[in-house]
């Protein structure tokens, strides 16, 4: 959901009700996304098994070394990654 209304208004011109809906819809998804990334990073940092740690680091290095994979990882709109991992039921979104 974009923050531009169907009438083509800029966010600062949007009706308060639309902004409230946007906030209720997006805020929980953003919080969940950040929590997922934080947990994954923490697990990677706390990995005790040297073999698993090396495999995870090799996978990250391979992503950086491959221009296509690197671009896909870095340049995919955050909202696409967000929605791919966090999909609330319609009743939860509103």
Protein backbone atom coordinates (compact mmCIF):
# COMPACT_ATOMS: atom_id res chain seq x y z
CA UNK A 1 0.00 0.00 0.00
CA UNK A 2 1.45 3.31 -1.01
CA UNK A 3 0.98 6.50 0.96
CA UNK A 4 -0.44 8.29 -2.04
CA UNK A 5 -4.20 8.43 -2.22
CA UNK A 6 -6.17 7.40 -5.27
CA UNK A 7 -6.71 11.10 -5.98
CA UNK A 8 -2.96 11.51 -6.43
CA UNK A 9 -2.45 13.62 -3.33
CA UNK A 10 0.98 13.89 -1.76
CA UNK A 11 1.31 12.32 1.72
CA UNK A 12 1.24 15.72 3.44
CA UNK A 13 -2.10 16.45 1.74
CA UNK A 14 -3.71 13.10 2.57
CA UNK A 15 -6.73 12.88 4.83
CA UNK A 16 -5.96 12.01 8.48
CA UNK A 17 -8.08 8.84 8.22
CA UNK A 18 -5.93 7.59 5.35
CA UNK A 19 -2.76 8.32 7.30
CA UNK A 20 -4.18 6.53 10.36
CA UNK A 21 -5.01 3.47 8.25
CA UNK A 22 -1.55 3.54 6.69
CA UNK A 23 0.04 3.72 10.15
CA UNK A 24 -2.07 0.85 11.52
CA UNK A 25 -1.29 -1.26 8.46
CA UNK A 26 2.42 -0.59 7.96
CA UNK A 27 3.78 -0.05 11.48
CA UNK A 28 3.23 -3.64 12.72
CA UNK A 29 4.71 -5.03 9.49
CA UNK A 30 7.78 -2.83 9.78
CA UNK A 31 8.28 -3.76 13.42
CA UNK A 32 7.98 -7.47 12.60
CA UNK A 33 10.41 -7.13 9.68
CA UNK A 34 13.03 -5.36 11.82
CA UNK A 35 12.61 -7.96 14.57
CA UNK A 36 13.14 -10.80 12.07
CA UNK A 37 16.30 -9.17 10.73
CA UNK A 38 17.58 -8.49 14.26
CA UNK A 39 17.02 -12.09 15.34
CA UNK A 40 18.76 -13.44 12.22
CA UNK A 41 21.74 -11.13 12.77
CA UNK A 42 21.96 -12.04 16.46
CA UNK A 43 21.89 -15.77 15.67
CA UNK A 44 24.62 -15.29 13.07
CA UNK A 45 26.79 -13.42 15.59
CA UNK A 46 26.18 -15.97 18.35
CA UNK A 47 26.84 -19.06 16.23
CA UNK A 48 29.28 -21.27 18.16
CA UNK A 49 29.81 -24.03 15.58
CA UNK A 50 32.74 -22.88 13.44
CA UNK A 51 31.58 -24.94 10.44
CA UNK A 52 28.07 -23.46 10.45
CA UNK A 53 29.46 -20.00 11.01
CA UNK A 54 31.83 -20.43 8.06
CA UNK A 55 28.99 -21.69 5.81
CA UNK A 56 26.80 -18.70 6.68
CA UNK A 57 29.65 -16.27 6.08
CA UNK A 58 30.48 -17.98 2.78
CA UNK A 59 26.86 -17.61 1.70
CA UNK A 60 26.97 -13.90 2.54
CA UNK A 61 30.26 -13.49 0.68
CA UNK A 62 28.86 -15.34 -2.34
CA UNK A 63 25.91 -12.95 -2.40
CA UNK A 64 28.25 -9.96 -2.34
CA UNK A 65 30.51 -11.45 -5.03
CA UNK A 66 27.63 -12.13 -7.45
CA UNK A 67 26.43 -8.79 -8.88
CA UNK A 68 22.97 -10.14 -9.71
CA UNK A 69 22.44 -11.74 -6.28
CA UNK A 70 23.90 -8.69 -4.56
CA UNK A 71 21.58 -6.32 -6.40
CA UNK A 72 18.59 -8.56 -5.72
CA UNK A 73 19.42 -8.65 -2.01
CA UNK A 74 20.16 -4.94 -1.64
CA UNK A 75 17.85 -3.35 -4.15
CA UNK A 76 14.65 -5.30 -3.77
CA UNK A 77 12.26 -2.79 -2.27
CA UNK A 78 12.16 -3.33 1.46
CA UNK A 79 8.40 -3.58 1.33
CA UNK A 80 8.68 -6.59 -1.03
CA UNK A 81 10.95 -8.43 1.42
CA UNK A 82 8.74 -7.25 4.24
CA UNK A 83 5.56 -8.64 2.73
CA UNK A 84 7.26 -11.85 1.63
CA UNK A 85 8.08 -12.66 5.26
CA UNK A 86 5.19 -11.07 7.13
CA UNK A 87 1.70 -11.58 5.83
CA UNK A 88 -1.01 -10.81 8.37
CA UNK A 89 -4.51 -12.00 7.81
CA UNK A 90 -6.80 -9.33 6.34
CA UNK A 91 -8.60 -8.94 9.66
CA UNK A 92 -5.25 -8.19 11.36
CA UNK A 93 -4.22 -5.51 8.89
CA UNK A 94 -7.05 -3.14 9.73
